[in-house]
Amino acid sequence: MTTTTRVALITGASQGIGEGLVAAYRKLGYAVVANSRTITDSGDPMVLAVPGDIGQPGVGKRIVDAAVERFGRIDTVVNNAGIFIAKPFAEYTNDEYDAITGVNLRGFFEVSR
């Protein structure tokens, strides 16, 4: 379906700031493509929930493809997904570093390109 409605793609959309952004964009009349690892269907036909870990290669493309297939366009991208581990950087484990860079850097790259 192609729409003349503006479309926002929001990562990290299942809670906190991301969840608030979904509600705010809907109030502005946008259709929303909402992503997070734990996102569930909202029941709103103008909100497309696309679950997936944005830090994994290919997930960003899958989200963008779903947005274009459903709404025919993307007007705004909000790369909101992020990980913060509350300890000194020098104490991160390899797995923690991989998780942070996966979501905070790769996720941004995958969706934005």
PDB file of N, CA and C in Angstrom:
ATOM      1  N   MET A   1       0.846  -1.171   0.000  1.00  0.00           N
ATOM      2  CA  MET A   1       0.000   0.000   0.000  1.00  0.00           C
ATOM      3  C   MET A   1       0.897   1.242   0.000  1.00  0.00           C
ATOM      4  N   THR A   2       0.641   2.140  -0.886  1.00  0.00           N
ATOM      5  CA  THR A   2       1.334   3.429  -0.890  1.00  0.00           C
ATOM      6  C   THR A   2       0.396   4.452  -0.266  1.00  0.00           C
ATOM      7  N   THR A   3       0.962   5.309   0.542  1.00  0.00           N
ATOM      8  CA  THR A   3       0.145   6.277   1.263  1.00  0.00           C
ATOM      9  C   THR A   3       0.700   7.682   1.069  1.00  0.00           C
ATOM     10  N   THR A   4      -0.166   8.671   1.180  1.00  0.00           N
ATOM     11  CA  THR A   4       0.291  10.061   1.182  1.00  0.00           C
ATOM     12  C   THR A   4       0.569  10.518   2.608  1.00  0.00           C
ATOM     13  N   THR A   5       0.220   9.679   3.570  1.00  0.00           N
ATOM     14  CA  THR A   5       0.485   9.963   4.974  1.00  0.00           C
ATOM     15  C   THR A   5       1.987   9.911   5.215  1.00  0.00           C
ATOM     16  N   ARG A   6       2.492  10.849   5.983  1.00  0.00           N
ATOM     17  CA  ARG A   6       3.917  10.815   6.332  1.00  0.00           C
ATOM     18  C   ARG A   6       4.187   9.607   7.223  1.00  0.00           C
ATOM     19  N   VAL A   7       5.389   9.047   7.069  1.00  0.00           N
ATOM     20  CA  VAL A   7       5.747   7.813   7.773  1.00  0.00           C
ATOM     21  C   VAL A   7       7.032   8.024   8.567  1.00  0.00           C
ATOM     22  N   ALA A   8       6.988   7.652   9.845  1.00  0.00           N
ATOM     23  CA  ALA A   8       8.170   7.702  10.707  1.00  0.00           C
ATOM     24  C   ALA A   8       8.594   6.285  11.053  1.00  0.00           C
ATOM     25  N   LEU A   9       9.880   6.030  10.987  1.00  0.00           N
ATOM     26  CA  LEU A   9      10.462   4.770  11.419  1.00  0.00           C
ATOM     27  C   LEU A   9      11.202   5.042  12.728  1.00  0.00           C
ATOM     28  N   ILE A  10      10.846   4.301  13.780  1.00  0.00           N
ATOM     29  CA  ILE A  10      11.411   4.532  15.106  1.00  0.00           C
ATOM     30  C   ILE A  10      11.966   3.227  15.651  1.00  0.00           C
ATOM     31  N   THR A  11      13.263   3.215  15.974  1.00  0.00           N
ATOM     32  CA  THR A  11      13.858   2.051  16.627  1.00  0.00           C
ATOM     33  C   THR A  11      13.811   2.248  18.142  1.00  0.00           C
ATOM     34  N   GLY A  12      13.912   1.149  18.864  1.00  0.00           N
ATOM     35  CA  GLY A  12      13.817   1.244  20.318  1.00  0.00           C
ATOM     36  C   GLY A  12      12.447   1.710  20.752  1.00  0.00           C
ATOM     37  N   ALA A  13      11.408   1.245  20.065  1.00  0.00           N
ATOM     38  CA  ALA A  13      10.068   1.823  20.191  1.00  0.00           C
ATOM     39  C   ALA A  13       9.153   1.132  21.199  1.00  0.00           C
ATOM     40  N   SER A  14       9.638   0.152  21.933  1.00  0.00           N
ATOM     41  CA  SER A  14       8.727  -0.597  22.800  1.00  0.00           C
ATOM     42  C   SER A  14       8.590  -0.025  24.206  1.00  0.00           C
ATOM     43  N   GLN A  15       9.469   0.892  24.590  1.00  0.00           N
ATOM     44  CA  GLN A  15       9.390   1.449  25.945  1.00  0.00           C
ATOM     45  C   GLN A  15      10.066   2.811  26.000  1.00  0.00           C
ATOM     46  N   GLY A  16       9.858   3.501  27.101  1.00  0.00           N
ATOM     47  CA  GLY A  16      10.551   4.766  27.359  1.00  0.00           C
ATOM     48  C   GLY A  16      10.341   5.809  26.278  1.00  0.00           C
ATOM     49  N   ILE A  17      11.436   6.455  25.905  1.00  0.00           N
ATOM     50  CA  ILE A  17      11.395   7.531  24.909  1.00  0.00           C
ATOM     51  C   ILE A  17      10.816   7.034  23.590  1.00  0.00           C
ATOM     52  N   GLY A  18      11.224   5.855  23.150  1.00  0.00           N
ATOM     53  CA  GLY A  18      10.733   5.313  21.879  1.00  0.00           C
ATOM     54  C   GLY A  18       9.235   5.118  21.866  1.00  0.00           C
ATOM     55  N   GLU A  19       8.700   4.576  22.941  1.00  0.00           N
ATOM     56  CA  GLU A  19       7.254   4.385  23.051  1.00  0.00           C
ATOM     57  C   GLU A  19       6.541   5.740  23.014  1.00  0.00           C
ATOM     58  N   GLY A  20       7.115   6.723  23.704  1.00  0.00           N
ATOM     59  CA  GLY A  20       6.555   8.068  23.682  1.00  0.00           C
ATOM     60  C   GLY A  20       6.594   8.688  22.301  1.00  0.00           C
ATOM     61  N   LEU A  21       7.680   8.427  21.565  1.00  0.00           N
ATOM     62  CA  LEU A  21       7.791   8.951  20.200  1.00  0.00           C
ATOM     63  C   LEU A  21       6.734   8.351  19.283  1.00  0.00           C
ATOM     64  N   VAL A  22       6.461   7.064  19.433  1.00  0.00           N
ATOM     65  CA  VAL A  22       5.408   6.431  18.626  1.00  0.00           C
ATOM     66  C   VAL A  22       4.088   7.149  18.869  1.00  0.00           C
ATOM     67  N   ALA A  23       3.737   7.352  20.122  1.00  0.00           N
ATOM     68  CA  ALA A  23       2.474   8.036  20.453  1.00  0.00           C
ATOM     69  C   ALA A  23       2.465   9.463  19.912  1.00  0.00           C
ATOM     70  N   ALA A  24       3.578  10.177  20.048  1.00  0.00           N
ATOM     71  CA  ALA A  24       3.644  11.570  19.584  1.00  0.00           C
ATOM     72  C   ALA A  24       3.511  11.662  18.063  1.00  0.00           C
ATOM     73  N   TYR A  25       4.197  10.806  17.345  1.00  0.00           N
ATOM     74  CA  TYR A  25       4.089  10.833  15.878  1.00  0.00           C
ATOM     75  C   TYR A  25       2.684  10.449  15.427  1.00  0.00           C
ATOM     76  N   ARG A  26       2.035   9.513  16.103  1.00  0.00           N
ATOM     77  CA  ARG A  26       0.657   9.172  15.748  1.00  0.00           C
ATOM     78  C   ARG A  26      -0.261  10.379  15.974  1.00  0.00           C
ATOM     79  N   LYS A  27      -0.062  11.116  17.073  1.00  0.00           N
ATOM     80  CA  LYS A  27      -0.879  12.308  17.335  1.00  0.00           C
ATOM     81  C   LYS A  27      -0.700  13.349  16.242  1.00  0.00           C
ATOM     82  N   LEU A  28       0.484  13.364  15.632  1.00  0.00           N
ATOM     83  CA  LEU A  28       0.755  14.296  14.530  1.00  0.00           C
ATOM     84  C   LEU A  28       0.231  13.776  13.193  1.00  0.00           C
ATOM     85  N   GLY A  29      -0.350  12.592  13.193  1.00  0.00           N
ATOM     86  CA  GLY A  29      -0.939  12.038  11.982  1.00  0.00           C
ATOM     87  C   GLY A  29      -0.017  11.151  11.158  1.00  0.00           C
ATOM     88  N   TYR A  30       1.159  10.876  11.661  1.00  0.00           N
ATOM     89  CA  TYR A  30       2.089   9.991  10.954  1.00  0.00           C
ATOM     90  C   TYR A  30       1.664   8.534  11.089  1.00  0.00           C
ATOM     91  N   ALA A  31       1.974   7.753  10.065  1.00  0.00           N
ATOM     92  CA  ALA A  31       2.027   6.304  10.208  1.00  0.00           C
ATOM     93  C   ALA A  31       3.387   6.016  10.832  1.00  0.00           C
ATOM     94  N   VAL A  32       3.484   4.956  11.616  1.00  0.00           N
ATOM     95  CA  VAL A  32       4.735   4.667  12.316  1.00  0.00           C
ATOM     96  C   VAL A  32       5.150   3.227  12.089  1.00  0.00           C
ATOM     97  N   VAL A  33       6.434   3.046  11.800  1.00  0.00           N
ATOM     98  CA  VAL A  33       7.050   1.728  11.777  1.00  0.00           C
ATOM     99  C   VAL A  33       7.872   1.650  13.050  1.00  0.00           C
ATOM    100  N   ALA A  34       7.470   0.766  13.962  1.00  0.00           N
ATOM    101  CA  ALA A  34       8.066   0.686  15.290  1.00  0.00           C
ATOM    102  C   ALA A  34       8.883  -0.588  15.422  1.00  0.00           C
ATOM    103  N   ASN A  35      10.126  -0.434  15.875  1.00  0.00           N
ATOM    104  CA  ASN A  35      11.012  -1.587  16.028  1.00  0.00           C
ATOM    105  C   ASN A  35      11.592  -1.658  17.429  1.00  0.00           C
ATOM    106  N   SER A  36      11.724  -2.868  17.914  1.00  0.00           N
ATOM    107  CA  SER A  36      12.548  -3.219  19.067  1.00  0.00           C
ATOM    108  C   SER A  36      12.600  -4.741  19.105  1.00  0.00           C
ATOM    109  N   ARG A  37      13.449  -5.252  19.964  1.00  0.00           N
ATOM    110  CA  ARG A  37      13.529  -6.714  20.087  1.00  0.00           C
ATOM    111  C   ARG A  37      12.220  -7.277  20.606  1.00  0.00           C
ATOM    112  N   THR A  38      11.488  -6.521  21.418  1.00  0.00           N
ATOM    113  CA  THR A  38      10.300  -7.046  22.096  1.00  0.00           C
ATOM    114  C   THR A  38       9.002  -6.370  21.668  1.00  0.00           C
ATOM    115  N   ILE A  39       9.009  -5.679  20.551  1.00  0.00           N
ATOM    116  CA  ILE A  39       7.813  -4.950  20.108  1.00  0.00           C
ATOM    117  C   ILE A  39       6.689  -5.939  19.780  1.00  0.00           C
ATOM    118  N   THR A  40       5.476  -5.555  20.133  1.00  0.00           N
ATOM    119  CA  THR A  40       4.310  -6.364  19.799  1.00  0.00           C
ATOM    120  C   THR A  40       3.313  -5.500  19.035  1.00  0.00           C
ATOM    121  N   ASP A  41       2.396  -6.127  18.360  1.00  0.00           N
ATOM    122  CA  ASP A  41       1.391  -5.425  17.568  1.00  0.00           C
ATOM    123  C   ASP A  41       0.543  -4.537  18.475  1.00  0.00           C
ATOM    124  N   SER A  42       0.357  -3.301  18.048  1.00  0.00           N
ATOM    125  CA  SER A  42      -0.397  -2.340  18.859  1.00  0.00           C
ATOM    126  C   SER A  42      -1.895  -2.391  18.606  1.00  0.00           C
ATOM    127  N   GLY A  43      -2.296  -2.996  17.514  1.00  0.00           N
ATOM    128  CA  GLY A  43      -3.701  -2.983  17.143  1.00  0.00           C
ATOM    129  C   GLY A  43      -4.084  -1.772  16.311  1.00  0.00           C
ATOM    130  N   ASP A  44      -3.192  -0.810  16.198  1.00  0.00           N
ATOM    131  CA  ASP A  44      -3.407   0.391  15.381  1.00  0.00           C
ATOM    132  C   ASP A  44      -2.924   0.076  13.962  1.00  0.00           C
ATOM    133  N   PRO A  45      -3.816   0.123  12.969  1.00  0.00           N
ATOM    134  CA  PRO A  45      -3.395  -0.216  11.604  1.00  0.00           C
ATOM    135  C   PRO A  45      -2.357   0.734  11.014  1.00  0.00           C
ATOM    136  N   MET A  46      -2.177   1.886  11.641  1.00  0.00           N
ATOM    137  CA  MET A  46      -1.174   2.830  11.152  1.00  0.00           C
ATOM    138  C   MET A  46       0.150   2.710  11.909  1.00  0.00           C
ATOM    139  N   VAL A  47       0.272   1.679  12.737  1.00  0.00           N
ATOM    140  CA  VAL A  47       1.536   1.365  13.411  1.00  0.00           C
ATOM    141  C   VAL A  47       1.930  -0.053  13.007  1.00  0.00           C
ATOM    142  N   LEU A  48       3.049  -0.150  12.304  1.00  0.00           N
ATOM    143  CA  LEU A  48       3.574  -1.444  11.895  1.00  0.00           C
ATOM    144  C   LEU A  48       4.695  -1.822  12.856  1.00  0.00           C
ATOM    145  N   ALA A  49       4.479  -2.867  13.638  1.00  0.00           N
ATOM    146  CA  ALA A  49       5.498  -3.351  14.576  1.00  0.00           C
ATOM    147  C   ALA A  49       6.392  -4.347  13.841  1.00  0.00           C
ATOM    148  N   VAL A  50       7.697  -4.085  13.866  1.00  0.00           N
ATOM    149  CA  VAL A  50       8.669  -4.975  13.220  1.00  0.00           C
ATOM    150  C   VAL A  50       9.684  -5.393  14.287  1.00  0.00           C
ATOM    151  N   PRO A  51       9.496  -6.571  14.885  1.00  0.00           N
ATOM    152  CA  PRO A  51      10.438  -7.005  15.912  1.00  0.00           C
ATOM    153  C   PRO A  51      11.790  -7.374  15.313  1.00  0.00           C
ATOM    154  N   GLY A  52      12.828  -7.188  16.108  1.00  0.00           N
ATOM    155  CA  GLY A  52      14.167  -7.593  15.681  1.00  0.00           C
ATOM    156  C   GLY A  52      15.235  -6.827  16.420  1.00  0.00           C
ATOM    157  N   ASP A  53      16.389  -7.453  16.551  1.00  0.00           N
ATOM    158  CA  ASP A  53      17.537  -6.848  17.211  1.00  0.00           C
ATOM    159  C   ASP A  53      18.292  -6.003  16.196  1.00  0.00           C
ATOM    160  N   ILE A  54      18.188  -4.704  16.304  1.00  0.00           N
ATOM    161  CA  ILE A  54      18.775  -3.760  15.351  1.00  0.00           C
ATOM    162  C   ILE A  54      20.294  -3.896  15.266  1.00  0.00           C
ATOM    163  N   GLY A  55      20.900  -4.523  16.262  1.00  0.00           N
ATOM    164  CA  GLY A  55      22.343  -4.718  16.252  1.00  0.00           C
ATOM    165  C   GLY A  55      22.800  -5.873  15.384  1.00  0.00           C
ATOM    166  N   GLN A  56      21.859  -6.633  14.856  1.00  0.00           N
ATOM    167  CA  GLN A  56      22.193  -7.774  14.009  1.00  0.00           C
ATOM    168  C   GLN A  56      22.173  -7.382  12.536  1.00  0.00           C
ATOM    169  N   PRO A  57      23.196  -7.799  11.785  1.00  0.00           N
ATOM    170  CA  PRO A  57      23.239  -7.468  10.351  1.00  0.00           C
ATOM    171  C   PRO A  57      21.952  -7.910   9.638  1.00  0.00           C
ATOM    172  N   GLY A  58      21.447  -7.039   8.796  1.00  0.00           N
ATOM    173  CA  GLY A  58      20.269  -7.348   7.989  1.00  0.00           C
ATOM    174  C   GLY A  58      18.947  -6.927   8.597  1.00  0.00           C
ATOM    175  N   VAL A  59      18.894  -6.721   9.909  1.00  0.00           N
ATOM    176  CA  VAL A  59      17.626  -6.352  10.555  1.00  0.00           C
ATOM    177  C   VAL A  59      17.190  -4.961  10.115  1.00  0.00           C
ATOM    178  N   GLY A  60      18.129  -4.025  10.021  1.00  0.00           N
ATOM    179  CA  GLY A  60      17.784  -2.679   9.566  1.00  0.00           C
ATOM    180  C   GLY A  60      17.143  -2.695   8.185  1.00  0.00           C
ATOM    181  N   LYS A  61      17.711  -3.474   7.278  1.00  0.00           N
ATOM    182  CA  LYS A  61      17.147  -3.583   5.927  1.00  0.00           C
ATOM    183  C   LYS A  61      15.751  -4.195   5.972  1.00  0.00           C
ATOM    184  N   ARG A  62      15.566  -5.190   6.828  1.00  0.00           N
ATOM    185  CA  ARG A  62      14.252  -5.828   6.945  1.00  0.00           C
ATOM    186  C   ARG A  62      13.200  -4.829   7.434  1.00  0.00           C
ATOM    187  N   ILE A  63      13.573  -3.955   8.371  1.00  0.00           N
ATOM    188  CA  ILE A  63      12.645  -2.948   8.888  1.00  0.00           C
ATOM    189  C   ILE A  63      12.287  -1.943   7.789  1.00  0.00           C
ATOM    190  N   VAL A  64      13.298  -1.454   7.088  1.00  0.00           N
ATOM    191  CA  VAL A  64      13.066  -0.491   6.006  1.00  0.00           C
ATOM    192  C   VAL A  64      12.214  -1.118   4.909  1.00  0.00           C
ATOM    193  N   ASP A  65      12.536  -2.351   4.525  1.00  0.00           N
ATOM    194  CA  ASP A  65      11.753  -3.037   3.486  1.00  0.00           C
ATOM    195  C   ASP A  65      10.298  -3.197   3.914  1.00  0.00           C
ATOM    196  N   ALA A  66      10.069  -3.542   5.189  1.00  0.00           N
ATOM    197  CA  ALA A  66       8.694  -3.688   5.684  1.00  0.00           C
ATOM    198  C   ALA A  66       7.952  -2.362   5.639  1.00  0.00           C
ATOM    199  N   ALA A  67       8.650  -1.275   5.983  1.00  0.00           N
ATOM    200  CA  ALA A  67       8.032   0.062   5.943  1.00  0.00           C
ATOM    201  C   ALA A  67       7.607   0.434   4.533  1.00  0.00           C
ATOM    202  N   VAL A  68       8.507   0.227   3.591  1.00  0.00           N
ATOM    203  CA  VAL A  68       8.215   0.590   2.199  1.00  0.00           C
ATOM    204  C   VAL A  68       7.125  -0.313   1.632  1.00  0.00           C
ATOM    205  N   GLU A  69       7.159  -1.589   1.991  1.00  0.00           N
ATOM    206  CA  GLU A  69       6.117  -2.502   1.499  1.00  0.00           C
ATOM    207  C   GLU A  69       4.745  -2.114   2.044  1.00  0.00           C
ATOM    208  N   ARG A  70       4.674  -1.759   3.309  1.00  0.00           N
ATOM    209  CA  ARG A  70       3.387  -1.439   3.944  1.00  0.00           C
ATOM    210  C   ARG A  70       2.883  -0.049   3.602  1.00  0.00           C
ATOM    211  N   PHE A  71       3.793   0.954   3.662  1.00  0.00           N
ATOM    212  CA  PHE A  71       3.354   2.339   3.515  1.00  0.00           C
ATOM    213  C   PHE A  71       3.876   3.034   2.258  1.00  0.00           C
ATOM    214  N   GLY A  72       4.842   2.427   1.562  1.00  0.00           N
ATOM    215  CA  GLY A  72       5.339   2.993   0.307  1.00  0.00           C
ATOM    216  C   GLY A  72       6.365   4.094   0.452  1.00  0.00           C
ATOM    217  N   ARG A  73       6.757   4.434   1.680  1.00  0.00           N
ATOM    218  CA  ARG A  73       7.686   5.547   1.885  1.00  0.00           C
ATOM    219  C   ARG A  73       8.166   5.582   3.337  1.00  0.00           C
ATOM    220  N   ILE A  74       9.215   6.356   3.545  1.00  0.00           N
ATOM    221  CA  ILE A  74       9.688   6.712   4.886  1.00  0.00           C
ATOM    222  C   ILE A  74      10.077   8.185   4.818  1.00  0.00           C
ATOM    223  N   ASP A  75       9.521   8.987   5.709  1.00  0.00           N
ATOM    224  CA  ASP A  75       9.817  10.412   5.725  1.00  0.00           C
ATOM    225  C   ASP A  75      10.762  10.816   6.855  1.00  0.00           C
ATOM    226  N   THR A  76      10.685  10.104   7.952  1.00  0.00           N
ATOM    227  CA  THR A  76      11.470  10.444   9.135  1.00  0.00           C
ATOM    228  C   THR A  76      12.020   9.171   9.744  1.00  0.00           C
ATOM    229  N   VAL A  77      13.298   9.201  10.126  1.00  0.00           N
ATOM    230  CA  VAL A  77      13.916   8.077  10.835  1.00  0.00           C
ATOM    231  C   VAL A  77      14.398   8.585  12.189  1.00  0.00           C
ATOM    232  N   VAL A  78      13.991   7.883  13.247  1.00  0.00           N
ATOM    233  CA  VAL A  78      14.468   8.195  14.588  1.00  0.00           C
ATOM    234  C   VAL A  78      15.228   6.968  15.088  1.00  0.00           C
ATOM    235  N   ASN A  79      16.557   7.067  15.056  1.00  0.00           N
ATOM    236  CA  ASN A  79      17.412   5.988  15.556  1.00  0.00           C
ATOM    237  C   ASN A  79      17.497   6.123  17.072  1.00  0.00           C
ATOM    238  N   ASN A  80      16.491   5.604  17.751  1.00  0.00           N
ATOM    239  CA  ASN A  80      16.367   5.758  19.192  1.00  0.00           C
ATOM    240  C   ASN A  80      16.950   4.581  19.972  1.00  0.00           C
ATOM    241  N   ALA A  81      17.055   3.417  19.358  1.00  0.00           N
ATOM    242  CA  ALA A  81      17.553   2.241  20.075  1.00  0.00           C
ATOM    243  C   ALA A  81      18.964   2.492  20.569  1.00  0.00           C
ATOM    244  N   GLY A  82      19.222   2.085  21.787  1.00  0.00           N
ATOM    245  CA  GLY A  82      20.555   2.252  22.340  1.00  0.00           C
ATOM    246  C   GLY A  82      20.753   1.417  23.582  1.00  0.00           C
ATOM    247  N   ILE A  83      21.997   1.092  23.820  1.00  0.00           N
ATOM    248  CA  ILE A  83      22.364   0.338  25.022  1.00  0.00           C
ATOM    249  C   ILE A  83      23.342   1.177  25.823  1.00  0.00           C
ATOM    250  N   PHE A  84      23.145   1.192  27.133  1.00  0.00           N
ATOM    251  CA  PHE A  84      24.084   1.832  28.053  1.00  0.00           C
ATOM    252  C   PHE A  84      24.364   0.851  29.174  1.00  0.00           C
ATOM    253  N   ILE A  85      25.615   0.622  29.434  1.00  0.00           N
ATOM    254  CA  ILE A  85      26.016  -0.238  30.547  1.00  0.00           C
ATOM    255  C   ILE A  85      26.722   0.657  31.566  1.00  0.00           C
ATOM    256  N   ALA A  86      26.164   0.704  32.749  1.00  0.00           N
ATOM    257  CA  ALA A  86      26.626   1.649  33.776  1.00  0.00           C
ATOM    258  C   ALA A  86      27.855   1.125  34.512  1.00  0.00           C
ATOM    259  N   LYS A  87      28.972   1.187  33.816  1.00  0.00           N
ATOM    260  CA  LYS A  87      30.252   0.910  34.456  1.00  0.00           C
ATOM    261  C   LYS A  87      31.337   1.509  33.578  1.00  0.00           C
ATOM    262  N   PRO A  88      32.530   1.654  34.104  1.00  0.00           N
ATOM    263  CA  PRO A  88      33.595   2.252  33.300  1.00  0.00           C
ATOM    264  C   PRO A  88      33.861   1.452  32.022  1.00  0.00           C
ATOM    265  N   PHE A  89      34.095   2.185  30.949  1.00  0.00           N
ATOM    266  CA  PHE A  89      34.360   1.584  29.636  1.00  0.00           C
ATOM    267  C   PHE A  89      35.451   0.513  29.716  1.00  0.00           C
ATOM    268  N   ALA A  90      36.495   0.768  30.483  1.00  0.00           N
ATOM    269  CA  ALA A  90      37.621  -0.169  30.571  1.00  0.00           C
ATOM    270  C   ALA A  90      37.228  -1.497  31.222  1.00  0.00           C
ATOM    271  N   GLU A  91      36.055  -1.553  31.843  1.00  0.00           N
ATOM    272  CA  GLU A  91      35.595  -2.780  32.489  1.00  0.00           C
ATOM    273  C   GLU A  91      34.603  -3.580  31.646  1.00  0.00           C
ATOM    274  N   TYR A  92      34.250  -3.083  30.465  1.00  0.00           N
ATOM    275  CA  TYR A  92      33.326  -3.822  29.593  1.00  0.00           C
ATOM    276  C   TYR A  92      33.936  -5.158  29.203  1.00  0.00           C
ATOM    277  N   THR A  93      33.093  -6.186  29.182  1.00  0.00           N
ATOM    278  CA  THR A  93      33.507  -7.470  28.626  1.00  0.00           C
ATOM    279  C   THR A  93      33.424  -7.383  27.102  1.00  0.00           C
ATOM    280  N   ASN A  94      33.979  -8.333  26.420  1.00  0.00           N
ATOM    281  CA  ASN A  94      33.870  -8.366  24.956  1.00  0.00           C
ATOM    282  C   ASN A  94      32.411  -8.452  24.521  1.00  0.00           C
ATOM    283  N   ASP A  95      31.627  -9.267  25.213  1.00  0.00           N
ATOM    284  CA  ASP A  95      30.211  -9.403  24.860  1.00  0.00           C
ATOM    285  C   ASP A  95      29.451  -8.096  25.074  1.00  0.00           C
ATOM    286  N   GLU A  96      29.751  -7.381  26.156  1.00  0.00           N
ATOM    287  CA  GLU A  96      29.109  -6.091  26.400  1.00  0.00           C
ATOM    288  C   GLU A  96      29.495  -5.077  25.332  1.00  0.00           C
ATOM    289  N   TYR A  97      30.760  -5.033  24.985  1.00  0.00           N
ATOM    290  CA  TYR A  97      31.221  -4.119  23.935  1.00  0.00           C
ATOM    291  C   TYR A  97      30.540  -4.439  22.607  1.00  0.00           C
ATOM    292  N   ASP A  98      30.456  -5.725  22.268  1.00  0.00           N
ATOM    293  CA  ASP A  98      29.798  -6.131  21.019  1.00  0.00           C
ATOM    294  C   ASP A  98      28.323  -5.729  21.023  1.00  0.00           C
ATOM    295  N   ALA A  99      27.659  -5.887  22.164  1.00  0.00           N
ATOM    296  CA  ALA A  99      26.239  -5.508  22.253  1.00  0.00           C
ATOM    297  C   ALA A  99      26.072  -4.008  22.071  1.00  0.00           C
ATOM    298  N   ILE A 100      26.905  -3.222  22.738  1.00  0.00           N
ATOM    299  CA  ILE A 100      26.808  -1.760  22.653  1.00  0.00           C
ATOM    300  C   ILE A 100      27.086  -1.278  21.230  1.00  0.00           C
ATOM    301  N   THR A 101      28.174  -1.727  20.646  1.00  0.00           N
ATOM    302  CA  THR A 101      28.498  -1.261  19.295  1.00  0.00           C
ATOM    303  C   THR A 101      27.505  -1.804  18.272  1.00  0.00           C
ATOM    304  N   GLY A 102      26.985  -3.000  18.525  1.00  0.00           N
ATOM    305  CA  GLY A 102      25.995  -3.560  17.610  1.00  0.00           C
ATOM    306  C   GLY A 102      24.752  -2.702  17.525  1.00  0.00           C
ATOM    307  N   VAL A 103      24.197  -2.353  18.666  1.00  0.00           N
ATOM    308  CA  VAL A 103      22.961  -1.568  18.682  1.00  0.00           C
ATOM    309  C   VAL A 103      23.246  -0.095  18.402  1.00  0.00           C
ATOM    310  N   ASN A 104      24.198   0.487  19.112  1.00  0.00           N
ATOM    311  CA  ASN A 104      24.416   1.931  19.035  1.00  0.00           C
ATOM    312  C   ASN A 104      25.065   2.381  17.733  1.00  0.00           C
ATOM    313  N   LEU A 105      25.872   1.554  17.136  1.00  0.00           N
ATOM    314  CA  LEU A 105      26.542   1.935  15.882  1.00  0.00           C
ATOM    315  C   LEU A 105      25.986   1.184  14.681  1.00  0.00           C
ATOM    316  N   ARG A 106      26.028  -0.140  14.727  1.00  0.00           N
ATOM    317  CA  ARG A 106      25.556  -0.910  13.575  1.00  0.00           C
ATOM    318  C   ARG A 106      24.081  -0.659  13.304  1.00  0.00           C
ATOM    319  N   GLY A 107      23.272  -0.584  14.369  1.00  0.00           N
ATOM    320  CA  GLY A 107      21.836  -0.334  14.188  1.00  0.00           C
ATOM    321  C   GLY A 107      21.585   0.973  13.462  1.00  0.00           C
ATOM    322  N   PHE A 108      22.271   2.028  13.887  1.00  0.00           N
ATOM    323  CA  PHE A 108      22.160   3.327  13.225  1.00  0.00           C
ATOM    324  C   PHE A 108      22.561   3.204  11.758  1.00  0.00           C
ATOM    325  N   PHE A 109      23.698   2.544  11.490  1.00  0.00           N
ATOM    326  CA  PHE A 109      24.208   2.374  10.137  1.00  0.00           C
ATOM    327  C   PHE A 109      23.226   1.600   9.280  1.00  0.00           C
ATOM    328  N   GLU A 110      22.752   0.470   9.794  1.00  0.00           N
ATOM    329  CA  GLU A 110      21.870  -0.421   9.022  1.00  0.00           C
ATOM    330  C   GLU A 110      20.569   0.280   8.596  1.00  0.00           C
ATOM    331  N   VAL A 111      19.954   1.017   9.520  1.00  0.00           N
ATOM    332  CA  VAL A 111      18.685   1.682   9.205  1.00  0.00           C
ATOM    333  C   VAL A 111      18.918   2.898   8.305  1.00  0.00           C
ATOM    334  N   SER A 112      19.954   3.634   8.584  1.00  0.00           N
ATOM    335  CA  SER A 112      20.173   4.909   7.872  1.00  0.00           C
ATOM    336  C   SER A 112      20.680   4.762   6.450  1.00  0.00           C
ATOM    337  N   ARG A 113      21.403   3.721   6.174  1.00  0.00           N
ATOM    338  CA  ARG A 113      21.937   3.606   4.823  1.00  0.00           C
ATOM    339  C   ARG A 113      20.873   3.214   3.845  1.00  0.00           C
TER     340      ARG A 113
END
